[in-house]
Amino acid sequence: MPFTYTRSLWLRDTDTAGVVYFTSVLEFCHEAYEASLMETGVQLHFFFNHPNQAIPIVHASVDFLKPLHCGDRPILHLHPVELTSNTFTVLYQLQLGSQLIANAKTKHCCIHPVHRHRIPVPADLLHWYGKWQDKPT
């Protein structure tokens, strides 16, 4: 079952045409990612400052289907869709009411923060992945 996150879009999230600025959608996705981590018990301060692991985003993309404006309250659905021994991919769908507004995707890689070599996906992320992935019916 996907994680659901809602937030109002503020003036700061829009461009001069009054439409959501493209980087704001990626920020919105990252907020949802952090909220979903907290929902599964991950301590964000330790997670993002861990001495033996870093989880950088190595790819991000957004496809816009309809505009979002200041004051809109889109619902974002987050679900991990792919997992290897040291990477995972997350899909995001933004909806306004029943309309699909945008699709986004991030790919994350688990590395050692000093040596920069790939490491296995940590246990707390495996737990997070298991909670939010789409389960077969």
C-alpha atoms as a PDB file:
ATOM      1  CA  MET A   1       0.000   0.000   0.000  1.00  0.00           C
ATOM      2  CA  PRO A   2       1.493   3.369  -0.942  1.00  0.00           C
ATOM      3  CA  PHE A   3       2.310   6.057   1.603  1.00  0.00           C
ATOM      4  CA  THR A   4       0.075   9.128   1.236  1.00  0.00           C
ATOM      5  CA  TYR A   5       1.225  12.674   1.941  1.00  0.00           C
ATOM      6  CA  THR A   6      -0.633  15.981   1.542  1.00  0.00           C
ATOM      7  CA  ARG A   7       0.638  19.533   1.698  1.00  0.00           C
ATOM      8  CA  SER A   8      -0.575  22.939   0.514  1.00  0.00           C
ATOM      9  CA  LEU A   9       1.354  24.613  -2.265  1.00  0.00           C
ATOM     10  CA  TRP A  10       2.553  28.044  -1.235  1.00  0.00           C
ATOM     11  CA  LEU A  11       3.555  31.068  -3.264  1.00  0.00           C
ATOM     12  CA  ARG A  12       7.213  30.112  -2.749  1.00  0.00           C
ATOM     13  CA  ASP A  13       6.482  26.823  -4.598  1.00  0.00           C
ATOM     14  CA  THR A  14       5.410  28.587  -7.804  1.00  0.00           C
ATOM     15  CA  ASP A  15       7.135  30.345 -10.676  1.00  0.00           C
ATOM     16  CA  THR A  16       6.330  33.807 -12.023  1.00  0.00           C
ATOM     17  CA  ALA A  17       3.435  32.360 -14.035  1.00  0.00           C
ATOM     18  CA  GLY A  18       1.828  31.130 -10.807  1.00  0.00           C
ATOM     19  CA  VAL A  19       2.379  27.460 -11.643  1.00  0.00           C
ATOM     20  CA  VAL A  20       4.301  25.051  -9.429  1.00  0.00           C
ATOM     21  CA  TYR A  21       8.052  25.363 -10.061  1.00  0.00           C
ATOM     22  CA  PHE A  22       9.547  22.067 -11.242  1.00  0.00           C
ATOM     23  CA  THR A  23      12.023  21.741  -8.371  1.00  0.00           C
ATOM     24  CA  SER A  24       9.209  22.252  -5.873  1.00  0.00           C
ATOM     25  CA  VAL A  25       7.672  18.949  -6.978  1.00  0.00           C
ATOM     26  CA  LEU A  26      10.946  17.161  -6.216  1.00  0.00           C
ATOM     27  CA  GLU A  27      11.063  18.896  -2.816  1.00  0.00           C
ATOM     28  CA  PHE A  28       7.479  17.754  -2.200  1.00  0.00           C
ATOM     29  CA  CYS A  29       8.507  14.185  -3.102  1.00  0.00           C
ATOM     30  CA  HIS A  30      11.473  14.330  -0.728  1.00  0.00           C
ATOM     31  CA  GLU A  31       9.232  15.618   2.081  1.00  0.00           C
ATOM     32  CA  ALA A  32       6.974  12.605   1.493  1.00  0.00           C
ATOM     33  CA  TYR A  33      10.007  10.292   1.489  1.00  0.00           C
ATOM     34  CA  GLU A  34      11.163  11.691   4.854  1.00  0.00           C
ATOM     35  CA  ALA A  35       7.632  11.471   6.303  1.00  0.00           C
ATOM     36  CA  SER A  36       7.341   7.846   5.141  1.00  0.00           C
ATOM     37  CA  LEU A  37      10.675   7.030   6.799  1.00  0.00           C
ATOM     38  CA  MET A  38       9.476   8.563  10.081  1.00  0.00           C
ATOM     39  CA  GLU A  39       6.194   6.633   9.787  1.00  0.00           C
ATOM     40  CA  THR A  40       8.180   3.391   9.882  1.00  0.00           C
ATOM     41  CA  GLY A  41      10.214   4.479  12.920  1.00  0.00           C
ATOM     42  CA  VAL A  42      13.373   5.717  11.195  1.00  0.00           C
ATOM     43  CA  GLN A  43      15.157   8.406  13.239  1.00  0.00           C
ATOM     44  CA  LEU A  44      15.919  10.997  10.541  1.00  0.00           C
ATOM     45  CA  HIS A  45      18.803  12.730  12.323  1.00  0.00           C
ATOM     46  CA  PHE A  46      20.713   9.478  12.676  1.00  0.00           C
ATOM     47  CA  PHE A  47      19.619   8.170   9.269  1.00  0.00           C
ATOM     48  CA  PHE A  48      20.917  11.220   7.375  1.00  0.00           C
ATOM     49  CA  ASN A  49      24.058  11.539   9.514  1.00  0.00           C
ATOM     50  CA  HIS A  50      24.984   7.858   9.795  1.00  0.00           C
ATOM     51  CA  PRO A  51      28.780   7.362   9.904  1.00  0.00           C
ATOM     52  CA  ASN A  52      28.676   4.176   7.797  1.00  0.00           C
ATOM     53  CA  GLN A  53      25.955   4.796   5.228  1.00  0.00           C
ATOM     54  CA  ALA A  54      24.723   7.439   2.835  1.00  0.00           C
ATOM     55  CA  ILE A  55      21.724   7.104   0.539  1.00  0.00           C
ATOM     56  CA  PRO A  56      22.130   9.685  -2.237  1.00  0.00           C
ATOM     57  CA  ILE A  57      19.604  10.131  -5.003  1.00  0.00           C
ATOM     58  CA  VAL A  58      21.377   9.204  -8.234  1.00  0.00           C
ATOM     59  CA  HIS A  59      18.497   9.924 -10.613  1.00  0.00           C
ATOM     60  CA  ALA A  60      15.304  11.989 -10.458  1.00  0.00           C
ATOM     61  CA  SER A  61      12.614  12.749 -13.014  1.00  0.00           C
ATOM     62  CA  VAL A  62       9.196  14.398 -13.129  1.00  0.00           C
ATOM     63  CA  ASP A  63       6.528  14.238 -15.812  1.00  0.00           C
ATOM     64  CA  PHE A  64       3.955  17.037 -15.519  1.00  0.00           C
ATOM     65  CA  LEU A  65       0.466  16.281 -16.804  1.00  0.00           C
ATOM     66  CA  LYS A  66      -1.546  19.231 -15.453  1.00  0.00           C
ATOM     67  CA  PRO A  67      -0.579  22.491 -13.683  1.00  0.00           C
ATOM     68  CA  LEU A  68      -0.605  23.037  -9.924  1.00  0.00           C
ATOM     69  CA  HIS A  69      -1.151  26.493  -8.451  1.00  0.00           C
ATOM     70  CA  CYS A  70      -0.656  28.318  -5.171  1.00  0.00           C
ATOM     71  CA  GLY A  71      -3.285  27.148  -2.685  1.00  0.00           C
ATOM     72  CA  ASP A  72      -3.760  23.702  -4.241  1.00  0.00           C
ATOM     73  CA  ARG A  73      -3.528  20.728  -1.855  1.00  0.00           C
ATOM     74  CA  PRO A  74      -2.230  17.829  -3.922  1.00  0.00           C
ATOM     75  CA  ILE A  75      -2.103  14.326  -2.522  1.00  0.00           C
ATOM     76  CA  LEU A  76       1.141  12.489  -3.142  1.00  0.00           C
ATOM     77  CA  HIS A  77       1.277   8.686  -3.244  1.00  0.00           C
ATOM     78  CA  LEU A  78       4.740   7.212  -2.679  1.00  0.00           C
ATOM     79  CA  HIS A  79       5.632   3.605  -3.340  1.00  0.00           C
ATOM     80  CA  PRO A  80       8.960   1.844  -3.773  1.00  0.00           C
ATOM     81  CA  VAL A  81       8.950  -0.245  -6.931  1.00  0.00           C
ATOM     82  CA  GLU A  82      12.394  -1.752  -7.362  1.00  0.00           C
ATOM     83  CA  LEU A  83      15.007  -3.052  -4.951  1.00  0.00           C
ATOM     84  CA  THR A  84      18.438  -4.527  -5.561  1.00  0.00           C
ATOM     85  CA  SER A  85      21.152  -5.317  -3.046  1.00  0.00           C
ATOM     86  CA  ASN A  86      22.286  -1.654  -2.962  1.00  0.00           C
ATOM     87  CA  THR A  87      19.715   0.487  -4.828  1.00  0.00           C
ATOM     88  CA  PHE A  88      16.009   1.206  -4.718  1.00  0.00           C
ATOM     89  CA  THR A  89      13.589   3.190  -6.839  1.00  0.00           C
ATOM     90  CA  VAL A  90      10.581   5.156  -5.612  1.00  0.00           C
ATOM     91  CA  LEU A  91       7.603   6.263  -7.702  1.00  0.00           C
ATOM     92  CA  TYR A  92       5.461   9.238  -6.750  1.00  0.00           C
ATOM     93  CA  GLN A  93       2.045  10.173  -8.101  1.00  0.00           C
ATOM     94  CA  LEU A  94       0.615  13.627  -7.404  1.00  0.00           C
ATOM     95  CA  GLN A  95      -3.139  13.971  -7.597  1.00  0.00           C
ATOM     96  CA  LEU A  96      -5.500  16.895  -7.220  1.00  0.00           C
ATOM     97  CA  GLY A  97      -8.876  15.403  -6.470  1.00  0.00           C
ATOM     98  CA  SER A  98      -9.162  12.451  -8.825  1.00  0.00           C
ATOM     99  CA  GLN A  99      -6.903  14.001 -11.490  1.00  0.00           C
ATOM    100  CA  LEU A 100      -3.353  12.754 -11.923  1.00  0.00           C
ATOM    101  CA  ILE A 101      -1.154  15.868 -12.013  1.00  0.00           C
ATOM    102  CA  ALA A 102       2.403  14.512 -12.155  1.00  0.00           C
ATOM    103  CA  ASN A 103       4.496  11.367 -11.954  1.00  0.00           C
ATOM    104  CA  ALA A 104       7.945  11.476 -10.388  1.00  0.00           C
ATOM    105  CA  LYS A 105      10.686   8.939  -9.828  1.00  0.00           C
ATOM    106  CA  THR A 106      13.829   8.837  -7.708  1.00  0.00           C
ATOM    107  CA  LYS A 107      16.563   6.218  -7.686  1.00  0.00           C
ATOM    108  CA  HIS A 108      18.692   5.886  -4.561  1.00  0.00           C
ATOM    109  CA  CYS A 109      22.041   4.144  -4.092  1.00  0.00           C
ATOM    110  CA  CYS A 110      23.431   2.971  -0.746  1.00  0.00           C
ATOM    111  CA  ILE A 111      27.110   3.821  -0.275  1.00  0.00           C
ATOM    112  CA  HIS A 112      29.695   4.190   2.445  1.00  0.00           C
ATOM    113  CA  PRO A 113      29.999   7.973   3.020  1.00  0.00           C
ATOM    114  CA  VAL A 114      33.816   7.999   3.266  1.00  0.00           C
ATOM    115  CA  HIS A 115      34.984   5.239   0.940  1.00  0.00           C
ATOM    116  CA  ARG A 116      32.128   5.814  -1.567  1.00  0.00           C
ATOM    117  CA  HIS A 117      31.749   2.113  -2.377  1.00  0.00           C
ATOM    118  CA  ARG A 118      28.307   0.546  -2.617  1.00  0.00           C
ATOM    119  CA  ILE A 119      26.916  -1.146   0.470  1.00  0.00           C
ATOM    120  CA  PRO A 120      23.817  -3.272   1.045  1.00  0.00           C
ATOM    121  CA  VAL A 121      20.479  -1.581   1.639  1.00  0.00           C
ATOM    122  CA  PRO A 122      20.287  -1.169   5.450  1.00  0.00           C
ATOM    123  CA  ALA A 123      17.727  -3.080   7.525  1.00  0.00           C
ATOM    124  CA  ASP A 124      15.649  -0.005   8.410  1.00  0.00           C
ATOM    125  CA  LEU A 125      15.215   0.733   4.691  1.00  0.00           C
ATOM    126  CA  LEU A 126      14.265  -2.880   3.987  1.00  0.00           C
ATOM    127  CA  HIS A 127      11.556  -2.498   6.638  1.00  0.00           C
ATOM    128  CA  TRP A 128      10.457   0.823   5.069  1.00  0.00           C
ATOM    129  CA  TYR A 129      10.424  -0.763   1.594  1.00  0.00           C
ATOM    130  CA  GLY A 130       8.329  -3.682   2.794  1.00  0.00           C
ATOM    131  CA  LYS A 131       5.745  -1.413   4.386  1.00  0.00           C
ATOM    132  CA  TRP A 132       5.113   0.854   1.383  1.00  0.00           C
ATOM    133  CA  GLN A 133       5.653  -1.397  -1.645  1.00  0.00           C
ATOM    134  CA  ASP A 134       2.664  -2.590  -3.616  1.00  0.00           C
ATOM    135  CA  LYS A 135       1.923  -6.107  -2.473  1.00  0.00           C
ATOM    136  CA  PRO A 136       0.565  -8.655  -4.950  1.00  0.00           C
ATOM    137  CA  THR A 137      -3.109  -9.439  -4.467  1.00  0.00           C
END
